[in-house]
């Protein structure tokens, strides 16, 4: 893991994203690529009028706001012992970040703040980043004070293709962890070969402890949050949307719930 794309945006998650990216870069000796996307079309930035109320004056104001934030963030990076560079784009954040991450190993984004709502909330794009590209996403709660790369990792394993993709993507990070706990939530209706995950990790030199976690008549996401607390996990690996996204939107799902309530950073892949 050598290239980390960091989403730069002035919101409540900006500091936690920066600190998580820097912690990970130091642990993995990686490079942080800061990507700031100003929310306006390229043609507006160039001075064209689109007939929808945008103008070069608005474009200049938006760029001035982002330039001021860039100055603040560059001052923060001067305090961190990491290699970094800065890339500024115009347009929507999601395609801008996905384009920047084509040759990256990880994207650092934010989870929404549980039970919180304000204009300064982080953009809710972590799931779309994981679904829209092939680069795994580290989604960090705004309250996080960094990323414990050498801490305790929890792998949510259900045998799905999404869980397998997340596990493969997490290998470089799991190799840095002091402990890896694989948790499978008991489900009589969906048997799967739970031993596949620890066997796969063992071939990568990663020792993991397998836990069959009791569901106890509760949703899977509640059981996983219980496992996070009981095992004192610092971060969690999980597949994003093992079922179709429309199904999770209509009926609810583990990914959708944990994106709102996870107390630790999530490494997501699809």
C-alpha atoms as a PDB file:
ATOM      1  CA  UNK A   1       0.000   0.000   0.000  1.00  0.00           C
ATOM      2  CA  UNK A   2       1.904   3.031  -1.286  1.00  0.00           C
ATOM      3  CA  UNK A   3      -0.619   5.586  -2.578  1.00  0.00           C
ATOM      4  CA  UNK A   4      -3.461   6.912  -0.428  1.00  0.00           C
ATOM      5  CA  UNK A   5      -6.061   9.299  -1.867  1.00  0.00           C
ATOM      6  CA  UNK A   6      -7.346  11.684   0.799  1.00  0.00           C
ATOM      7  CA  UNK A   7     -10.674  13.445   0.238  1.00  0.00           C
ATOM      8  CA  UNK A   8     -10.120  17.144   0.971  1.00  0.00           C
ATOM      9  CA  UNK A   9     -13.266  19.037   1.898  1.00  0.00           C
ATOM     10  CA  UNK A  10     -14.078  21.618   4.561  1.00  0.00           C
ATOM     11  CA  UNK A  11     -16.416  19.680   6.844  1.00  0.00           C
ATOM     12  CA  UNK A  12     -16.586  18.120  10.310  1.00  0.00           C
ATOM     13  CA  UNK A  13     -14.654  15.065   9.141  1.00  0.00           C
ATOM     14  CA  UNK A  14     -11.694  16.899   7.576  1.00  0.00           C
ATOM     15  CA  UNK A  15      -9.342  16.555  10.560  1.00  0.00           C
ATOM     16  CA  UNK A  16     -10.176  12.894  11.265  1.00  0.00           C
ATOM     17  CA  UNK A  17      -9.612  12.019   7.590  1.00  0.00           C
ATOM     18  CA  UNK A  18      -6.288  13.832   7.533  1.00  0.00           C
ATOM     19  CA  UNK A  19      -5.061  12.199  10.729  1.00  0.00           C
ATOM     20  CA  UNK A  20      -6.162   8.719   9.611  1.00  0.00           C
ATOM     21  CA  UNK A  21      -4.409   9.144   6.252  1.00  0.00           C
ATOM     22  CA  UNK A  22      -1.209  10.378   7.922  1.00  0.00           C
ATOM     23  CA  UNK A  23      -1.228   7.594  10.525  1.00  0.00           C
ATOM     24  CA  UNK A  24      -1.622   5.018   7.780  1.00  0.00           C
ATOM     25  CA  UNK A  25       1.006   6.655   5.552  1.00  0.00           C
ATOM     26  CA  UNK A  26       3.549   6.545   8.377  1.00  0.00           C
ATOM     27  CA  UNK A  27       2.766   2.914   9.192  1.00  0.00           C
ATOM     28  CA  UNK A  28       2.901   1.771   5.547  1.00  0.00           C
ATOM     29  CA  UNK A  29       5.529   4.284   4.327  1.00  0.00           C
ATOM     30  CA  UNK A  30       2.960   5.468   1.815  1.00  0.00           C
ATOM     31  CA  UNK A  31       2.329   8.703  -0.098  1.00  0.00           C
ATOM     32  CA  UNK A  32      -0.791  10.806   0.549  1.00  0.00           C
ATOM     33  CA  UNK A  33      -2.423  12.289  -2.540  1.00  0.00           C
ATOM     34  CA  UNK A  34      -4.714  15.134  -1.428  1.00  0.00           C
ATOM     35  CA  UNK A  35      -7.668  15.550  -3.797  1.00  0.00           C
ATOM     36  CA  UNK A  36      -9.812  18.667  -3.505  1.00  0.00           C
ATOM     37  CA  UNK A  37     -12.820  18.925  -5.811  1.00  0.00           C
ATOM     38  CA  UNK A  38     -14.400  22.367  -6.223  1.00  0.00           C
ATOM     39  CA  UNK A  39     -18.126  21.819  -6.886  1.00  0.00           C
ATOM     40  CA  UNK A  40     -18.517  23.422 -10.288  1.00  0.00           C
ATOM     41  CA  UNK A  41     -18.233  22.299 -13.922  1.00  0.00           C
ATOM     42  CA  UNK A  42     -14.975  22.762 -15.799  1.00  0.00           C
ATOM     43  CA  UNK A  43     -16.667  25.190 -18.217  1.00  0.00           C
ATOM     44  CA  UNK A  44     -17.717  27.481 -15.349  1.00  0.00           C
ATOM     45  CA  UNK A  45     -14.201  27.505 -13.940  1.00  0.00           C
ATOM     46  CA  UNK A  46     -12.968  28.523 -17.398  1.00  0.00           C
ATOM     47  CA  UNK A  47     -15.277  31.526 -17.392  1.00  0.00           C
ATOM     48  CA  UNK A  48     -18.213  30.318 -19.488  1.00  0.00           C
ATOM     49  CA  UNK A  49     -21.846  31.031 -18.660  1.00  0.00           C
ATOM     50  CA  UNK A  50     -24.158  27.983 -18.629  1.00  0.00           C
ATOM     51  CA  UNK A  51     -27.495  29.736 -18.395  1.00  0.00           C
ATOM     52  CA  UNK A  52     -28.350  28.127 -15.046  1.00  0.00           C
ATOM     53  CA  UNK A  53     -27.382  31.018 -12.824  1.00  0.00           C
ATOM     54  CA  UNK A  54     -23.684  30.193 -12.541  1.00  0.00           C
ATOM     55  CA  UNK A  55     -21.121  32.810 -13.458  1.00  0.00           C
ATOM     56  CA  UNK A  56     -17.366  33.413 -13.408  1.00  0.00           C
ATOM     57  CA  UNK A  57     -17.913  35.473 -10.243  1.00  0.00           C
ATOM     58  CA  UNK A  58     -19.427  32.481  -8.417  1.00  0.00           C
ATOM     59  CA  UNK A  59     -16.636  30.259  -9.721  1.00  0.00           C
ATOM     60  CA  UNK A  60     -14.036  32.716  -8.419  1.00  0.00           C
ATOM     61  CA  UNK A  61     -15.724  32.815  -5.005  1.00  0.00           C
ATOM     62  CA  UNK A  62     -15.810  29.012  -4.744  1.00  0.00           C
ATOM     63  CA  UNK A  63     -12.164  28.751  -5.731  1.00  0.00           C
ATOM     64  CA  UNK A  64     -11.223  31.431  -3.175  1.00  0.00           C
ATOM     65  CA  UNK A  65     -12.986  29.450  -0.435  1.00  0.00           C
ATOM     66  CA  UNK A  66     -11.185  26.253  -1.431  1.00  0.00           C
ATOM     67  CA  UNK A  67      -7.839  28.065  -1.696  1.00  0.00           C
ATOM     68  CA  UNK A  68      -8.243  29.352   1.863  1.00  0.00           C
ATOM     69  CA  UNK A  69      -8.963  25.832   3.081  1.00  0.00           C
ATOM     70  CA  UNK A  70      -6.001  24.514   1.114  1.00  0.00           C
ATOM     71  CA  UNK A  71      -3.730  26.956   2.932  1.00  0.00           C
ATOM     72  CA  UNK A  72      -5.010  25.679   6.285  1.00  0.00           C
ATOM     73  CA  UNK A  73      -4.570  22.040   5.299  1.00  0.00           C
ATOM     74  CA  UNK A  74      -1.079  22.584   3.922  1.00  0.00           C
ATOM     75  CA  UNK A  75      -0.137  24.083   7.288  1.00  0.00           C
ATOM     76  CA  UNK A  76      -1.462  20.919   8.954  1.00  0.00           C
ATOM     77  CA  UNK A  77       0.549  18.695   6.628  1.00  0.00           C
ATOM     78  CA  UNK A  78       3.680  20.672   7.494  1.00  0.00           C
ATOM     79  CA  UNK A  79       3.287  19.229  11.009  1.00  0.00           C
ATOM     80  CA  UNK A  80       3.082  15.625   9.779  1.00  0.00           C
ATOM     81  CA  UNK A  81       6.054  13.486   8.792  1.00  0.00           C
ATOM     82  CA  UNK A  82       4.559  12.104   5.571  1.00  0.00           C
ATOM     83  CA  UNK A  83       5.068  12.498   1.819  1.00  0.00           C
ATOM     84  CA  UNK A  84       2.145  14.225   0.125  1.00  0.00           C
ATOM     85  CA  UNK A  85       1.019  16.203  -2.909  1.00  0.00           C
ATOM     86  CA  UNK A  86      -2.061  18.218  -3.838  1.00  0.00           C
ATOM     87  CA  UNK A  87      -4.460  17.848  -6.749  1.00  0.00           C
ATOM     88  CA  UNK A  88      -7.327  20.230  -7.387  1.00  0.00           C
ATOM     89  CA  UNK A  89     -10.252  19.328  -9.654  1.00  0.00           C
ATOM     90  CA  UNK A  90     -13.538  20.912 -10.689  1.00  0.00           C
ATOM     91  CA  UNK A  91     -16.837  19.037 -10.784  1.00  0.00           C
ATOM     92  CA  UNK A  92     -18.602  16.551  -8.531  1.00  0.00           C
ATOM     93  CA  UNK A  93     -16.683  14.986  -5.652  1.00  0.00           C
ATOM     94  CA  UNK A  94     -17.590  11.375  -6.434  1.00  0.00           C
ATOM     95  CA  UNK A  95     -16.331  11.128 -10.055  1.00  0.00           C
ATOM     96  CA  UNK A  96     -13.413  13.407  -9.211  1.00  0.00           C
ATOM     97  CA  UNK A  97     -12.204  11.131  -6.420  1.00  0.00           C
ATOM     98  CA  UNK A  98     -12.806   7.955  -8.431  1.00  0.00           C
ATOM     99  CA  UNK A  99     -10.772   9.359 -11.316  1.00  0.00           C
ATOM    100  CA  UNK A 100      -7.927  10.333  -8.974  1.00  0.00           C
ATOM    101  CA  UNK A 101      -7.957   6.882  -7.361  1.00  0.00           C
ATOM    102  CA  UNK A 102      -7.453   4.830 -10.529  1.00  0.00           C
ATOM    103  CA  UNK A 103      -3.816   4.180  -9.558  1.00  0.00           C
ATOM    104  CA  UNK A 104      -4.267   4.453  -5.785  1.00  0.00           C
ATOM    105  CA  UNK A 105      -4.336   1.690  -3.194  1.00  0.00           C
ATOM    106  CA  UNK A 106      -6.877   3.274  -0.835  1.00  0.00           C
ATOM    107  CA  UNK A 107      -9.316   6.189  -0.586  1.00  0.00           C
ATOM    108  CA  UNK A 108      -9.810   7.863   2.786  1.00  0.00           C
ATOM    109  CA  UNK A 109     -13.331   9.285   3.147  1.00  0.00           C
ATOM    110  CA  UNK A 110     -15.747   9.906   6.029  1.00  0.00           C
ATOM    111  CA  UNK A 111     -18.649   8.165   7.652  1.00  0.00           C
ATOM    112  CA  UNK A 112     -21.597  10.371   8.591  1.00  0.00           C
ATOM    113  CA  UNK A 113     -21.759  11.493  12.219  1.00  0.00           C
ATOM    114  CA  UNK A 114     -24.276   9.268  14.011  1.00  0.00           C
ATOM    115  CA  UNK A 115     -27.274  11.214  15.314  1.00  0.00           C
ATOM    116  CA  UNK A 116     -25.911  14.465  13.915  1.00  0.00           C
ATOM    117  CA  UNK A 117     -27.095  16.697  11.112  1.00  0.00           C
ATOM    118  CA  UNK A 118     -25.656  20.012   9.957  1.00  0.00           C
ATOM    119  CA  UNK A 119     -24.432  21.790   6.849  1.00  0.00           C
ATOM    120  CA  UNK A 120     -20.885  20.856   7.873  1.00  0.00           C
ATOM    121  CA  UNK A 121     -21.512  17.106   7.828  1.00  0.00           C
ATOM    122  CA  UNK A 122     -19.115  15.107   5.612  1.00  0.00           C
ATOM    123  CA  UNK A 123     -20.408  14.239   2.156  1.00  0.00           C
ATOM    124  CA  UNK A 124     -22.168  10.821   2.287  1.00  0.00           C
ATOM    125  CA  UNK A 125     -20.073   9.299  -0.515  1.00  0.00           C
ATOM    126  CA  UNK A 126     -18.157   6.456   1.168  1.00  0.00           C
ATOM    127  CA  UNK A 127     -20.505   3.723  -0.090  1.00  0.00           C
ATOM    128  CA  UNK A 128     -20.643   5.213  -3.603  1.00  0.00           C
ATOM    129  CA  UNK A 129     -16.836   5.322  -3.725  1.00  0.00           C
ATOM    130  CA  UNK A 130     -16.655   1.651  -2.746  1.00  0.00           C
ATOM    131  CA  UNK A 131     -19.349   0.694  -5.259  1.00  0.00           C
ATOM    132  CA  UNK A 132     -18.200   2.938  -8.098  1.00  0.00           C
ATOM    133  CA  UNK A 133     -14.556   1.982  -8.365  1.00  0.00           C
ATOM    134  CA  UNK A 134     -12.056  -0.790  -7.745  1.00  0.00           C
ATOM    135  CA  UNK A 135     -10.141   0.993  -4.989  1.00  0.00           C
ATOM    136  CA  UNK A 136     -11.013   0.080  -1.376  1.00  0.00           C
ATOM    137  CA  UNK A 137     -12.294   2.843   0.884  1.00  0.00           C
ATOM    138  CA  UNK A 138     -11.341   3.575   4.475  1.00  0.00           C
ATOM    139  CA  UNK A 139     -14.394   5.364   5.899  1.00  0.00           C
ATOM    140  CA  UNK A 140     -13.532   7.216   9.100  1.00  0.00           C
ATOM    141  CA  UNK A 141     -15.982   8.512  11.744  1.00  0.00           C
ATOM    142  CA  UNK A 142     -15.656  12.296  12.205  1.00  0.00           C
ATOM    143  CA  UNK A 143     -15.022  11.717  15.916  1.00  0.00           C
ATOM    144  CA  UNK A 144     -12.000   9.484  15.248  1.00  0.00           C
ATOM    145  CA  UNK A 145      -8.634  10.811  16.359  1.00  0.00           C
ATOM    146  CA  UNK A 146      -6.621   8.819  13.861  1.00  0.00           C
ATOM    147  CA  UNK A 147      -6.171   5.295  12.599  1.00  0.00           C
ATOM    148  CA  UNK A 148      -4.580   2.568  14.697  1.00  0.00           C
ATOM    149  CA  UNK A 149      -2.846   0.674  11.885  1.00  0.00           C
ATOM    150  CA  UNK A 150      -1.032  -1.523  14.404  1.00  0.00           C
ATOM    151  CA  UNK A 151      -4.145  -2.062  16.507  1.00  0.00           C
ATOM    152  CA  UNK A 152      -6.831  -4.736  16.539  1.00  0.00           C
ATOM    153  CA  UNK A 153      -8.678  -5.444  13.292  1.00  0.00           C
ATOM    154  CA  UNK A 154     -12.077  -7.123  13.011  1.00  0.00           C
ATOM    155  CA  UNK A 155     -13.057  -8.862   9.772  1.00  0.00           C
ATOM    156  CA  UNK A 156     -16.809  -9.272   9.216  1.00  0.00           C
ATOM    157  CA  UNK A 157     -17.017 -12.504   7.240  1.00  0.00           C
ATOM    158  CA  UNK A 158     -20.118 -14.055   5.677  1.00  0.00           C
ATOM    159  CA  UNK A 159     -18.598 -15.906   2.743  1.00  0.00           C
ATOM    160  CA  UNK A 160     -19.954 -13.465   0.141  1.00  0.00           C
ATOM    161  CA  UNK A 161     -18.074 -12.097  -2.851  1.00  0.00           C
ATOM    162  CA  UNK A 162     -18.226  -8.617  -1.295  1.00  0.00           C
ATOM    163  CA  UNK A 163     -16.680  -9.881   1.960  1.00  0.00           C
ATOM    164  CA  UNK A 164     -13.980 -11.702  -0.027  1.00  0.00           C
ATOM    165  CA  UNK A 165     -13.185  -8.541  -2.013  1.00  0.00           C
ATOM    166  CA  UNK A 166     -12.839  -6.559   1.219  1.00  0.00           C
ATOM    167  CA  UNK A 167     -10.621  -9.218   2.784  1.00  0.00           C
ATOM    168  CA  UNK A 168      -8.291  -9.280  -0.227  1.00  0.00           C
ATOM    169  CA  UNK A 169      -8.104  -5.481  -0.252  1.00  0.00           C
ATOM    170  CA  UNK A 170      -7.314  -5.406   3.464  1.00  0.00           C
ATOM    171  CA  UNK A 171      -4.242  -7.672   3.307  1.00  0.00           C
ATOM    172  CA  UNK A 172      -1.649  -4.836   3.423  1.00  0.00           C
ATOM    173  CA  UNK A 173      -3.376  -3.329   6.462  1.00  0.00           C
ATOM    174  CA  UNK A 174      -3.958  -6.628   8.236  1.00  0.00           C
ATOM    175  CA  UNK A 175      -0.244  -7.356   7.934  1.00  0.00           C
ATOM    176  CA  UNK A 176       0.344  -4.269  10.080  1.00  0.00           C
ATOM    177  CA  UNK A 177      -2.166  -5.251  12.778  1.00  0.00           C
ATOM    178  CA  UNK A 178      -1.189  -6.760  16.110  1.00  0.00           C
ATOM    179  CA  UNK A 179      -4.357  -8.882  16.196  1.00  0.00           C
ATOM    180  CA  UNK A 180      -6.931  -9.961  13.597  1.00  0.00           C
ATOM    181  CA  UNK A 181     -10.354 -11.211  14.707  1.00  0.00           C
ATOM    182  CA  UNK A 182     -12.638 -12.827  12.116  1.00  0.00           C
ATOM    183  CA  UNK A 183     -16.283 -12.656  13.153  1.00  0.00           C
ATOM    184  CA  UNK A 184     -19.079 -14.658  11.553  1.00  0.00           C
ATOM    185  CA  UNK A 185     -22.570 -13.968  12.855  1.00  0.00           C
ATOM    186  CA  UNK A 186     -24.444 -17.234  13.366  1.00  0.00           C
ATOM    187  CA  UNK A 187     -27.131 -17.825  10.758  1.00  0.00           C
ATOM    188  CA  UNK A 188     -28.775 -21.244  10.400  1.00  0.00           C
ATOM    189  CA  UNK A 189     -30.285 -20.383   7.036  1.00  0.00           C
ATOM    190  CA  UNK A 190     -27.029 -19.399   5.336  1.00  0.00           C
ATOM    191  CA  UNK A 191     -24.256 -21.908   5.972  1.00  0.00           C
ATOM    192  CA  UNK A 192     -20.816 -21.123   4.551  1.00  0.00           C
ATOM    193  CA  UNK A 193     -17.260 -22.408   4.962  1.00  0.00           C
ATOM    194  CA  UNK A 194     -16.075 -20.055   7.731  1.00  0.00           C
ATOM    195  CA  UNK A 195     -12.568 -21.555   7.796  1.00  0.00           C
ATOM    196  CA  UNK A 196     -11.787 -20.214   4.307  1.00  0.00           C
ATOM    197  CA  UNK A 197     -10.988 -16.727   5.614  1.00  0.00           C
ATOM    198  CA  UNK A 198      -8.401 -17.679   8.277  1.00  0.00           C
ATOM    199  CA  UNK A 199      -6.813 -20.179   5.877  1.00  0.00           C
ATOM    200  CA  UNK A 200      -6.483 -17.464   3.234  1.00  0.00           C
ATOM    201  CA  UNK A 201      -4.928 -15.045   5.720  1.00  0.00           C
ATOM    202  CA  UNK A 202      -2.524 -17.705   6.984  1.00  0.00           C
ATOM    203  CA  UNK A 203      -1.080 -18.029   3.471  1.00  0.00           C
ATOM    204  CA  UNK A 204      -0.260 -14.329   3.702  1.00  0.00           C
ATOM    205  CA  UNK A 205       1.474 -14.815   7.033  1.00  0.00           C
ATOM    206  CA  UNK A 206      -1.432 -13.334   9.021  1.00  0.00           C
ATOM    207  CA  UNK A 207      -2.580 -15.186  12.132  1.00  0.00           C
ATOM    208  CA  UNK A 208      -6.283 -14.697  12.844  1.00  0.00           C
ATOM    209  CA  UNK A 209      -8.731 -15.826  15.499  1.00  0.00           C
ATOM    210  CA  UNK A 210     -12.122 -17.057  14.243  1.00  0.00           C
ATOM    211  CA  UNK A 211     -15.252 -16.248  16.252  1.00  0.00           C
ATOM    212  CA  UNK A 212     -18.759 -17.543  15.669  1.00  0.00           C
ATOM    213  CA  UNK A 213     -20.762 -14.668  17.113  1.00  0.00           C
ATOM    214  CA  UNK A 214     -24.255 -15.309  18.515  1.00  0.00           C
ATOM    215  CA  UNK A 215     -27.064 -13.505  16.747  1.00  0.00           C
ATOM    216  CA  UNK A 216     -29.320 -13.756  19.829  1.00  0.00           C
ATOM    217  CA  UNK A 217     -32.471 -12.688  17.931  1.00  0.00           C
ATOM    218  CA  UNK A 218     -30.983  -9.382  16.845  1.00  0.00           C
ATOM    219  CA  UNK A 219     -29.983  -7.883  13.482  1.00  0.00           C
ATOM    220  CA  UNK A 220     -26.535  -8.746  12.132  1.00  0.00           C
ATOM    221  CA  UNK A 221     -25.339  -5.163  12.416  1.00  0.00           C
ATOM    222  CA  UNK A 222     -26.182  -5.083  16.133  1.00  0.00           C
ATOM    223  CA  UNK A 223     -24.269  -8.333  16.657  1.00  0.00           C
ATOM    224  CA  UNK A 224     -21.278  -6.861  14.800  1.00  0.00           C
ATOM    225  CA  UNK A 225     -21.320  -3.709  16.909  1.00  0.00           C
ATOM    226  CA  UNK A 226     -21.347  -5.937  19.972  1.00  0.00           C
ATOM    227  CA  UNK A 227     -18.337  -7.807  18.574  1.00  0.00           C
ATOM    228  CA  UNK A 228     -16.493  -4.516  17.959  1.00  0.00           C
ATOM    229  CA  UNK A 229     -16.993  -3.498  21.587  1.00  0.00           C
ATOM    230  CA  UNK A 230     -16.292  -6.917  23.129  1.00  0.00           C
ATOM    231  CA  UNK A 231     -13.146  -7.589  21.072  1.00  0.00           C
ATOM    232  CA  UNK A 232     -11.997  -3.957  21.421  1.00  0.00           C
ATOM    233  CA  UNK A 233     -11.507  -3.610  17.678  1.00  0.00           C
ATOM    234  CA  UNK A 234      -9.841  -0.458  16.373  1.00  0.00           C
ATOM    235  CA  UNK A 235     -11.181  -0.855  12.826  1.00  0.00           C
ATOM    236  CA  UNK A 236     -13.273  -3.266  10.769  1.00  0.00           C
ATOM    237  CA  UNK A 237     -13.131  -4.883   7.322  1.00  0.00           C
ATOM    238  CA  UNK A 238     -16.457  -5.487   5.598  1.00  0.00           C
ATOM    239  CA  UNK A 239     -17.866  -6.056   2.148  1.00  0.00           C
ATOM    240  CA  UNK A 240     -20.046  -3.227   0.879  1.00  0.00           C
ATOM    241  CA  UNK A 241     -23.569  -4.269  -0.096  1.00  0.00           C
ATOM    242  CA  UNK A 242     -23.354  -8.046  -0.266  1.00  0.00           C
ATOM    243  CA  UNK A 243     -26.983  -7.937  -1.424  1.00  0.00           C
ATOM    244  CA  UNK A 244     -28.153  -5.613  -4.166  1.00  0.00           C
ATOM    245  CA  UNK A 245     -28.161  -1.997  -3.151  1.00  0.00           C
ATOM    246  CA  UNK A 246     -31.852  -1.619  -4.022  1.00  0.00           C
ATOM    247  CA  UNK A 247     -32.669  -4.507  -1.719  1.00  0.00           C
ATOM    248  CA  UNK A 248     -30.744  -2.933   1.129  1.00  0.00           C
ATOM    249  CA  UNK A 249     -32.405   0.417   0.463  1.00  0.00           C
ATOM    250  CA  UNK A 250     -35.884  -1.106   0.639  1.00  0.00           C
ATOM    251  CA  UNK A 251     -35.428  -3.737   3.332  1.00  0.00           C
ATOM    252  CA  UNK A 252     -32.463  -2.350   5.224  1.00  0.00           C
ATOM    253  CA  UNK A 253     -29.112  -4.060   5.446  1.00  0.00           C
ATOM    254  CA  UNK A 254     -25.858  -4.455   7.313  1.00  0.00           C
ATOM    255  CA  UNK A 255     -23.861  -2.062   5.141  1.00  0.00           C
ATOM    256  CA  UNK A 256     -26.499   0.649   5.209  1.00  0.00           C
ATOM    257  CA  UNK A 257     -26.841   0.423   8.995  1.00  0.00           C
ATOM    258  CA  UNK A 258     -23.137   0.358   9.805  1.00  0.00           C
ATOM    259  CA  UNK A 259     -22.457   3.296   7.495  1.00  0.00           C
ATOM    260  CA  UNK A 260     -24.668   5.284   9.865  1.00  0.00           C
ATOM    261  CA  UNK A 261     -23.623   3.812  13.218  1.00  0.00           C
ATOM    262  CA  UNK A 262     -20.129   2.290  13.054  1.00  0.00           C
ATOM    263  CA  UNK A 263     -18.015   3.451  16.024  1.00  0.00           C
ATOM    264  CA  UNK A 264     -14.718   2.602  14.277  1.00  0.00           C
ATOM    265  CA  UNK A 265     -13.234   3.126  10.793  1.00  0.00           C
ATOM    266  CA  UNK A 266     -14.559   0.737   8.134  1.00  0.00           C
ATOM    267  CA  UNK A 267     -12.514  -0.645   5.267  1.00  0.00           C
ATOM    268  CA  UNK A 268     -15.054  -1.136   2.480  1.00  0.00           C
ATOM    269  CA  UNK A 269     -14.813  -2.939  -0.837  1.00  0.00           C
ATOM    270  CA  UNK A 270     -17.360  -4.366  -3.270  1.00  0.00           C
END
